[in-house]
Amino acid sequence: MQRPSRRVVLIGLVGATALGLTAYSIAGPTYGTILTPAQAFAALENSDILLVDIRRPDEWESTGVAQGAVPIDMRREDFVDAVLAARQSPAQPIALICARGVRSARLARFLTQAGLTPLIDIPEGMLGSFAGPGWVRQGLPVVDWAQTDEDAKT
């Protein structure tokens, strides 16, 4: 068997490093706990977490909202207040889900640094990502989103 040339090894290492850095730059470092959609759904059924769908209203309308999740658009000026109002207790973990895990990771980092804990990120998101197939493709339950004045605030 022929050994790969130094050039091939170097190209492979550069490619692997670039791929790793790309994944890191998309989501950033992990803050808080990470759950799969199935784990989040099980925790949600037991009322162990508050699941917040941080996507936009057009995204909720397109795919529906995870059953049991509270849709709160992350662009709302009163986002943190809305999350705190939806929380059952200060100790209840807040799980964040978006489309593909990018926004939820960034928001988890921001909220953790702001002192809002405990936080859970669902990096697969609703539609799937490098972390896995996501809520929808796993066949987890979704409900149609009915827009209300409260949900429409940005």
N, C-alpha and C. Protein backbone atom coordinates (compact mmCIF):
# COMPACT_ATOMS: atom_id res chain seq x y z
N MET A 1 0.84 -1.18 0.00
CA MET A 1 0.00 0.00 0.00
C MET A 1 0.89 1.24 0.00
N GLN A 2 0.55 2.18 -0.85
CA GLN A 2 1.36 3.39 -1.00
C GLN A 2 0.99 4.41 0.08
N ARG A 3 2.00 5.01 0.68
CA ARG A 3 1.77 6.04 1.69
C ARG A 3 1.33 7.32 1.00
N PRO A 4 0.41 8.05 1.62
CA PRO A 4 0.00 9.32 1.01
C PRO A 4 1.16 10.33 1.08
N SER A 5 1.21 11.17 0.08
CA SER A 5 2.27 12.18 0.04
C SER A 5 2.04 13.22 1.14
N ARG A 6 3.07 13.95 1.46
CA ARG A 6 2.95 15.02 2.45
C ARG A 6 1.91 16.06 2.00
N ARG A 7 1.86 16.30 0.72
CA ARG A 7 0.91 17.27 0.17
C ARG A 7 -0.52 16.83 0.44
N VAL A 8 -0.82 15.55 0.22
CA VAL A 8 -2.17 15.03 0.46
C VAL A 8 -2.52 15.11 1.94
N VAL A 9 -1.58 14.76 2.80
CA VAL A 9 -1.81 14.83 4.24
C VAL A 9 -2.05 16.28 4.66
N LEU A 10 -1.25 17.20 4.16
CA LEU A 10 -1.39 18.62 4.50
C LEU A 10 -2.74 19.16 4.03
N ILE A 11 -3.14 18.82 2.81
CA ILE A 11 -4.44 19.27 2.29
C ILE A 11 -5.57 18.71 3.16
N GLY A 12 -5.46 17.45 3.56
CA GLY A 12 -6.47 16.84 4.43
C GLY A 12 -6.57 17.54 5.78
N LEU A 13 -5.42 17.85 6.37
CA LEU A 13 -5.42 18.54 7.66
C LEU A 13 -5.99 19.94 7.55
N VAL A 14 -5.64 20.66 6.50
CA VAL A 14 -6.17 22.00 6.30
C VAL A 14 -7.68 21.93 6.11
N GLY A 15 -8.15 20.98 5.32
CA GLY A 15 -9.59 20.82 5.08
C GLY A 15 -10.34 20.49 6.36
N ALA A 16 -9.80 19.58 7.15
CA ALA A 16 -10.47 19.20 8.40
C ALA A 16 -10.50 20.37 9.38
N THR A 17 -9.40 21.12 9.44
CA THR A 17 -9.36 22.29 10.31
C THR A 17 -10.36 23.34 9.87
N ALA A 18 -10.43 23.58 8.56
CA ALA A 18 -11.38 24.56 8.03
C ALA A 18 -12.81 24.15 8.34
N LEU A 19 -13.13 22.87 8.18
CA LEU A 19 -14.47 22.38 8.48
C LEU A 19 -14.80 22.57 9.96
N GLY A 20 -13.86 22.26 10.83
CA GLY A 20 -14.08 22.44 12.26
C GLY A 20 -14.27 23.90 12.63
N LEU A 21 -13.46 24.77 12.06
CA LEU A 21 -13.59 26.19 12.35
C LEU A 21 -14.90 26.76 11.81
N THR A 22 -15.34 26.25 10.67
CA THR A 22 -16.63 26.70 10.11
C THR A 22 -17.76 26.31 11.05
N ALA A 23 -17.78 25.08 11.51
CA ALA A 23 -18.83 24.64 12.43
C ALA A 23 -18.80 25.45 13.72
N TYR A 24 -17.60 25.72 14.22
CA TYR A 24 -17.46 26.52 15.45
C TYR A 24 -17.95 27.94 15.24
N SER A 25 -17.60 28.54 14.09
CA SER A 25 -17.98 29.93 13.86
C SER A 25 -19.48 30.08 13.63
N ILE A 26 -20.12 29.04 13.11
CA ILE A 26 -21.56 29.12 12.90
C ILE A 26 -22.28 29.14 14.24
N ALA A 27 -21.99 28.19 15.08
CA ALA A 27 -22.74 28.08 16.34
C ALA A 27 -22.00 28.71 17.51
N GLY A 28 -20.69 28.80 17.44
CA GLY A 28 -19.93 29.31 18.56
C GLY A 28 -19.80 28.25 19.63
N PRO A 29 -19.19 28.56 20.74
CA PRO A 29 -19.04 27.58 21.80
C PRO A 29 -20.39 27.26 22.44
N THR A 30 -20.47 26.10 23.02
CA THR A 30 -21.70 25.67 23.66
C THR A 30 -21.82 26.29 25.04
N TYR A 31 -23.02 26.78 25.34
CA TYR A 31 -23.32 27.32 26.66
C TYR A 31 -24.50 26.54 27.20
N GLY A 32 -24.42 26.13 28.44
CA GLY A 32 -25.51 25.38 29.04
C GLY A 32 -25.52 23.94 28.56
N THR A 33 -26.65 23.31 28.74
CA THR A 33 -26.84 21.91 28.38
C THR A 33 -27.32 21.80 26.94
N ILE A 34 -27.03 20.67 26.32
CA ILE A 34 -27.52 20.40 24.98
C ILE A 34 -28.44 19.20 25.05
N LEU A 35 -29.59 19.29 24.37
CA LEU A 35 -30.52 18.17 24.27
C LEU A 35 -30.86 17.92 22.81
N THR A 36 -31.16 16.68 22.49
CA THR A 36 -31.72 16.37 21.19
C THR A 36 -33.20 16.76 21.22
N PRO A 37 -33.83 16.88 20.07
CA PRO A 37 -35.26 17.17 20.08
C PRO A 37 -36.07 16.13 20.86
N ALA A 38 -35.74 14.86 20.71
CA ALA A 38 -36.47 13.81 21.44
C ALA A 38 -36.30 13.97 22.95
N GLN A 39 -35.09 14.28 23.40
CA GLN A 39 -34.86 14.49 24.83
C GLN A 39 -35.62 15.73 25.32
N ALA A 40 -35.62 16.78 24.50
CA ALA A 40 -36.34 17.99 24.87
C ALA A 40 -37.84 17.72 24.96
N PHE A 41 -38.36 16.95 24.03
CA PHE A 41 -39.79 16.64 24.05
C PHE A 41 -40.15 15.84 25.30
N ALA A 42 -39.31 14.88 25.67
CA ALA A 42 -39.57 14.09 26.88
C ALA A 42 -39.54 14.99 28.11
N ALA A 43 -38.58 15.89 28.19
CA ALA A 43 -38.49 16.81 29.33
C ALA A 43 -39.69 17.75 29.34
N LEU A 44 -40.13 18.16 28.17
CA LEU A 44 -41.28 19.04 28.04
C LEU A 44 -42.55 18.35 28.52
N GLU A 45 -42.71 17.09 28.17
CA GLU A 45 -43.89 16.33 28.60
C GLU A 45 -43.95 16.21 30.12
N ASN A 46 -42.79 16.20 30.77
CA ASN A 46 -42.74 16.10 32.24
C ASN A 46 -42.73 17.47 32.90
N SER A 47 -42.89 18.54 32.11
CA SER A 47 -42.84 19.93 32.60
C SER A 47 -41.50 20.25 33.26
N ASP A 48 -40.44 19.57 32.81
CA ASP A 48 -39.12 19.81 33.38
C ASP A 48 -38.43 21.03 32.77
N ILE A 49 -38.90 21.48 31.59
CA ILE A 49 -38.27 22.62 30.93
C ILE A 49 -39.35 23.56 30.36
N LEU A 50 -38.92 24.76 30.07
CA LEU A 50 -39.70 25.70 29.27
C LEU A 50 -39.04 25.71 27.91
N LEU A 51 -39.75 25.27 26.87
CA LEU A 51 -39.22 25.26 25.52
C LEU A 51 -39.67 26.53 24.81
N VAL A 52 -38.70 27.34 24.38
CA VAL A 52 -38.99 28.60 23.71
C VAL A 52 -38.53 28.50 22.26
N ASP A 53 -39.49 28.63 21.34
CA ASP A 53 -39.18 28.65 19.92
C ASP A 53 -38.89 30.11 19.56
N ILE A 54 -37.62 30.40 19.27
CA ILE A 54 -37.17 31.78 19.10
C ILE A 54 -37.21 32.25 17.64
N ARG A 55 -37.80 31.46 16.76
CA ARG A 55 -37.83 31.82 15.34
C ARG A 55 -38.81 32.97 15.07
N ARG A 56 -38.88 33.35 13.81
CA ARG A 56 -39.78 34.42 13.37
C ARG A 56 -41.18 33.86 13.12
N PRO A 57 -42.20 34.73 13.16
CA PRO A 57 -43.56 34.27 12.88
C PRO A 57 -43.74 33.57 11.53
N ASP A 58 -43.04 34.02 10.49
CA ASP A 58 -43.17 33.34 9.19
C ASP A 58 -42.63 31.92 9.25
N GLU A 59 -41.64 31.68 10.11
CA GLU A 59 -41.10 30.33 10.28
C GLU A 59 -42.09 29.45 11.05
N TRP A 60 -42.73 30.03 12.07
CA TRP A 60 -43.74 29.27 12.82
C TRP A 60 -44.88 28.88 11.89
N GLU A 61 -45.27 29.81 11.05
CA GLU A 61 -46.37 29.55 10.12
C GLU A 61 -46.00 28.47 9.12
N SER A 62 -44.76 28.45 8.69
CA SER A 62 -44.30 27.49 7.68
C SER A 62 -44.25 26.05 8.21
N THR A 63 -43.71 25.86 9.40
CA THR A 63 -43.50 24.49 9.92
C THR A 63 -44.40 24.13 11.09
N GLY A 64 -45.04 25.13 11.68
CA GLY A 64 -45.72 24.90 12.94
C GLY A 64 -44.73 25.09 14.08
N VAL A 65 -45.21 24.96 15.29
CA VAL A 65 -44.41 25.13 16.49
C VAL A 65 -44.37 23.80 17.23
N ALA A 66 -43.24 23.48 17.80
CA ALA A 66 -43.13 22.24 18.58
C ALA A 66 -44.24 22.21 19.62
N GLN A 67 -44.92 21.08 19.72
CA GLN A 67 -46.00 20.95 20.68
C GLN A 67 -45.49 21.23 22.09
N GLY A 68 -46.13 22.17 22.77
CA GLY A 68 -45.75 22.53 24.13
C GLY A 68 -44.77 23.69 24.20
N ALA A 69 -44.23 24.10 23.06
CA ALA A 69 -43.28 25.22 23.05
C ALA A 69 -44.02 26.55 23.11
N VAL A 70 -43.33 27.54 23.62
CA VAL A 70 -43.85 28.90 23.65
C VAL A 70 -43.14 29.68 22.54
N PRO A 71 -43.87 30.17 21.53
CA PRO A 71 -43.21 30.93 20.47
C PRO A 71 -42.97 32.37 20.90
N ILE A 72 -41.70 32.74 21.01
CA ILE A 72 -41.32 34.11 21.35
C ILE A 72 -40.21 34.53 20.39
N ASP A 73 -40.55 35.41 19.48
CA ASP A 73 -39.60 35.89 18.48
C ASP A 73 -38.41 36.55 19.18
N MET A 74 -37.22 36.07 18.91
CA MET A 74 -36.03 36.57 19.60
C MET A 74 -35.73 38.04 19.28
N ARG A 75 -36.37 38.59 18.26
CA ARG A 75 -36.15 39.99 17.89
C ARG A 75 -36.99 40.96 18.72
N ARG A 76 -37.89 40.43 19.52
CA ARG A 76 -38.72 41.30 20.36
C ARG A 76 -37.86 42.11 21.31
N GLU A 77 -38.21 43.37 21.48
CA GLU A 77 -37.47 44.22 22.41
C GLU A 77 -37.61 43.71 23.84
N ASP A 78 -38.75 43.10 24.15
CA ASP A 78 -38.99 42.60 25.50
C ASP A 78 -38.82 41.07 25.57
N PHE A 79 -37.92 40.54 24.76
CA PHE A 79 -37.74 39.09 24.69
C PHE A 79 -37.47 38.47 26.07
N VAL A 80 -36.51 39.01 26.79
CA VAL A 80 -36.15 38.43 28.09
C VAL A 80 -37.34 38.49 29.05
N ASP A 81 -38.04 39.61 29.08
CA ASP A 81 -39.22 39.73 29.94
C ASP A 81 -40.29 38.71 29.56
N ALA A 82 -40.48 38.50 28.26
CA ALA A 82 -41.49 37.53 27.80
C ALA A 82 -41.10 36.11 28.21
N VAL A 83 -39.83 35.79 28.12
CA VAL A 83 -39.36 34.46 28.54
C VAL A 83 -39.57 34.29 30.04
N LEU A 84 -39.18 35.29 30.81
CA LEU A 84 -39.33 35.21 32.26
C LEU A 84 -40.80 35.08 32.66
N ALA A 85 -41.70 35.74 31.94
CA ALA A 85 -43.13 35.65 32.22
C ALA A 85 -43.68 34.26 31.91
N ALA A 86 -43.09 33.57 30.93
CA ALA A 86 -43.54 32.23 30.56
C ALA A 86 -42.99 31.14 31.47
N ARG A 87 -41.94 31.46 32.20
CA ARG A 87 -41.27 30.50 33.07
C ARG A 87 -42.13 30.20 34.29
N GLN A 88 -42.20 28.93 34.70
CA GLN A 88 -42.99 28.54 35.86
C GLN A 88 -42.31 28.91 37.18
N SER A 89 -40.98 28.89 37.18
CA SER A 89 -40.22 29.26 38.37
C SER A 89 -38.82 29.69 37.94
N PRO A 90 -38.12 30.42 38.81
CA PRO A 90 -36.77 30.85 38.45
C PRO A 90 -35.80 29.68 38.24
N ALA A 91 -36.12 28.53 38.77
CA ALA A 91 -35.24 27.37 38.62
C ALA A 91 -35.54 26.56 37.36
N GLN A 92 -36.69 26.82 36.72
CA GLN A 92 -37.06 26.04 35.54
C GLN A 92 -36.08 26.31 34.40
N PRO A 93 -35.43 25.26 33.88
CA PRO A 93 -34.52 25.45 32.75
C PRO A 93 -35.26 25.96 31.52
N ILE A 94 -34.58 26.82 30.78
CA ILE A 94 -35.12 27.39 29.55
C ILE A 94 -34.41 26.71 28.38
N ALA A 95 -35.17 26.03 27.55
CA ALA A 95 -34.62 25.39 26.36
C ALA A 95 -34.94 26.26 25.16
N LEU A 96 -33.94 26.50 24.32
CA LEU A 96 -34.10 27.33 23.14
C LEU A 96 -34.01 26.49 21.88
N ILE A 97 -34.95 26.73 20.96
CA ILE A 97 -34.92 26.04 19.67
C ILE A 97 -35.17 27.06 18.57
N CYS A 98 -34.43 26.90 17.48
CA CYS A 98 -34.62 27.74 16.29
C CYS A 98 -34.72 26.80 15.10
N ALA A 99 -34.42 27.27 13.92
CA ALA A 99 -34.55 26.43 12.73
C ALA A 99 -33.45 25.37 12.66
N ARG A 100 -32.18 25.79 12.80
CA ARG A 100 -31.06 24.87 12.60
C ARG A 100 -29.98 24.94 13.69
N GLY A 101 -30.28 25.58 14.81
CA GLY A 101 -29.35 25.58 15.93
C GLY A 101 -28.38 26.74 15.99
N VAL A 102 -28.33 27.57 14.97
CA VAL A 102 -27.38 28.68 14.97
C VAL A 102 -27.83 29.79 15.91
N ARG A 103 -29.05 30.27 15.73
CA ARG A 103 -29.55 31.36 16.57
C ARG A 103 -29.70 30.93 18.02
N SER A 104 -30.14 29.69 18.25
CA SER A 104 -30.31 29.25 19.64
C SER A 104 -28.97 29.19 20.36
N ALA A 105 -27.91 28.78 19.68
CA ALA A 105 -26.58 28.75 20.31
C ALA A 105 -26.11 30.15 20.65
N ARG A 106 -26.29 31.08 19.72
CA ARG A 106 -25.87 32.46 19.97
C ARG A 106 -26.67 33.09 21.11
N LEU A 107 -27.98 32.85 21.09
CA LEU A 107 -28.83 33.41 22.14
C LEU A 107 -28.54 32.76 23.49
N ALA A 108 -28.26 31.47 23.51
CA ALA A 108 -27.89 30.80 24.76
C ALA A 108 -26.63 31.42 25.34
N ARG A 109 -25.67 31.71 24.48
CA ARG A 109 -24.43 32.34 24.94
C ARG A 109 -24.73 33.72 25.53
N PHE A 110 -25.52 34.51 24.82
CA PHE A 110 -25.87 35.85 25.28
C PHE A 110 -26.62 35.81 26.61
N LEU A 111 -27.63 34.95 26.71
CA LEU A 111 -28.43 34.88 27.94
C LEU A 111 -27.63 34.34 29.12
N THR A 112 -26.74 33.39 28.86
CA THR A 112 -25.88 32.87 29.92
C THR A 112 -24.97 33.97 30.46
N GLN A 113 -24.38 34.73 29.54
CA GLN A 113 -23.50 35.82 29.96
C GLN A 113 -24.28 36.92 30.69
N ALA A 114 -25.58 37.03 30.39
CA ALA A 114 -26.43 38.01 31.07
C ALA A 114 -26.95 37.49 32.41
N GLY A 115 -26.64 36.23 32.73
CA GLY A 115 -27.03 35.67 34.01
C GLY A 115 -28.35 34.94 34.04
N LEU A 116 -28.97 34.72 32.88
CA LEU A 116 -30.24 34.00 32.81
C LEU A 116 -29.94 32.51 32.63
N THR A 117 -30.08 31.76 33.69
CA THR A 117 -29.78 30.33 33.66
C THR A 117 -30.84 29.58 34.46
N PRO A 118 -30.92 28.29 34.39
CA PRO A 118 -30.18 27.39 33.51
C PRO A 118 -30.75 27.40 32.08
N LEU A 119 -29.85 27.26 31.11
CA LEU A 119 -30.23 27.27 29.70
C LEU A 119 -29.90 25.95 29.03
N ILE A 120 -30.73 25.61 28.06
CA ILE A 120 -30.55 24.40 27.27
C ILE A 120 -30.62 24.80 25.80
N ASP A 121 -29.70 24.29 25.01
CA ASP A 121 -29.71 24.52 23.57
C ASP A 121 -30.12 23.23 22.87
N ILE A 122 -30.90 23.38 21.82
CA ILE A 122 -31.28 22.23 20.99
C ILE A 122 -30.65 22.48 19.61
N PRO A 123 -29.38 22.04 19.44
CA PRO A 123 -28.63 22.40 18.24
C PRO A 123 -29.17 21.82 16.93
N GLU A 124 -29.97 20.78 16.99
CA GLU A 124 -30.56 20.24 15.76
C GLU A 124 -31.63 21.17 15.21
N GLY A 125 -32.25 21.94 16.10
CA GLY A 125 -33.30 22.85 15.68
C GLY A 125 -34.55 22.14 15.20
N MET A 126 -35.44 22.90 14.61
CA MET A 126 -36.68 22.35 14.06
C MET A 126 -36.43 21.62 12.75
N LEU A 127 -35.48 22.10 11.95
CA LEU A 127 -35.29 21.59 10.59
C LEU A 127 -34.07 20.71 10.40
N GLY A 128 -33.26 20.56 11.43
CA GLY A 128 -32.07 19.73 11.32
C GLY A 128 -30.84 20.57 11.03
N SER A 129 -29.68 20.01 11.40
CA SER A 129 -28.40 20.69 11.23
C SER A 129 -27.30 19.64 11.23
N PHE A 130 -26.06 20.10 11.32
CA PHE A 130 -24.94 19.15 11.42
C PHE A 130 -25.07 18.28 12.66
N ALA A 131 -25.85 18.73 13.65
CA ALA A 131 -26.01 17.99 14.90
C ALA A 131 -27.02 16.84 14.79
N GLY A 132 -27.89 16.86 13.78
CA GLY A 132 -28.88 15.80 13.64
C GLY A 132 -30.07 16.24 12.81
N PRO A 133 -31.06 15.37 12.68
CA PRO A 133 -32.18 15.60 11.75
C PRO A 133 -33.19 16.67 12.17
N GLY A 134 -33.24 17.03 13.43
CA GLY A 134 -34.16 18.07 13.87
C GLY A 134 -35.52 17.54 14.28
N TRP A 135 -36.30 18.44 14.86
CA TRP A 135 -37.61 18.12 15.43
C TRP A 135 -38.58 17.58 14.37
N VAL A 136 -38.70 18.29 13.27
CA VAL A 136 -39.70 17.95 12.24
C VAL A 136 -39.39 16.60 11.60
N ARG A 137 -38.14 16.38 11.18
CA ARG A 137 -37.78 15.12 10.51
C ARG A 137 -37.85 13.93 11.45
N GLN A 138 -37.78 14.17 12.75
CA GLN A 138 -37.91 13.06 13.69
C GLN A 138 -39.37 12.72 13.95
N GLY A 139 -40.26 13.50 13.37
CA GLY A 139 -41.69 13.23 13.51
C GLY A 139 -42.25 13.60 14.87
N LEU A 140 -41.57 14.47 15.58
CA LEU A 140 -42.09 14.92 16.88
C LEU A 140 -43.27 15.85 16.63
N PRO A 141 -44.21 15.92 17.56
CA PRO A 141 -45.44 16.67 17.29
C PRO A 141 -45.24 18.18 17.18
N VAL A 142 -45.96 18.74 16.22
CA VAL A 142 -46.01 20.18 16.04
C VAL A 142 -47.47 20.61 16.01
N VAL A 143 -47.69 21.86 16.34
CA VAL A 143 -49.03 22.43 16.28
C VAL A 143 -48.99 23.63 15.34
N ASP A 144 -50.12 23.90 14.70
CA ASP A 144 -50.21 25.08 13.84
C ASP A 144 -50.05 26.32 14.69
N TRP A 145 -49.38 27.29 14.14
CA TRP A 145 -49.19 28.54 14.84
C TRP A 145 -50.33 29.48 14.49
N ALA A 146 -51.00 29.97 15.49
CA ALA A 146 -52.07 30.96 15.31
C ALA A 146 -51.52 32.28 15.84
N GLN A 147 -51.35 33.23 14.94
CA GLN A 147 -50.73 34.50 15.33
C GLN A 147 -51.64 35.26 16.29
N THR A 148 -51.03 35.82 17.33
CA THR A 148 -51.72 36.69 18.26
C THR A 148 -50.98 38.01 18.30
N ASP A 149 -51.59 39.01 18.83
CA ASP A 149 -50.93 40.31 18.94
C ASP A 149 -49.65 40.20 19.76
N GLU A 150 -49.67 39.39 20.80
CA GLU A 150 -48.50 39.25 21.66
C GLU A 150 -47.34 38.62 20.90
N ASP A 151 -47.63 37.58 20.09
CA ASP A 151 -46.58 36.92 19.32
C ASP A 151 -45.99 37.82 18.25
N ALA A 152 -46.76 38.74 17.75
CA ALA A 152 -46.33 39.57 16.62
C ALA A 152 -45.40 40.71 17.03
N LYS A 153 -45.24 40.96 18.32
CA LYS A 153 -44.34 42.03 18.76
C LYS A 153 -42.91 41.75 18.30
N THR A 154 -42.25 42.79 17.87
CA THR A 154 -40.85 42.63 17.49
C THR A 154 -40.00 43.70 18.14
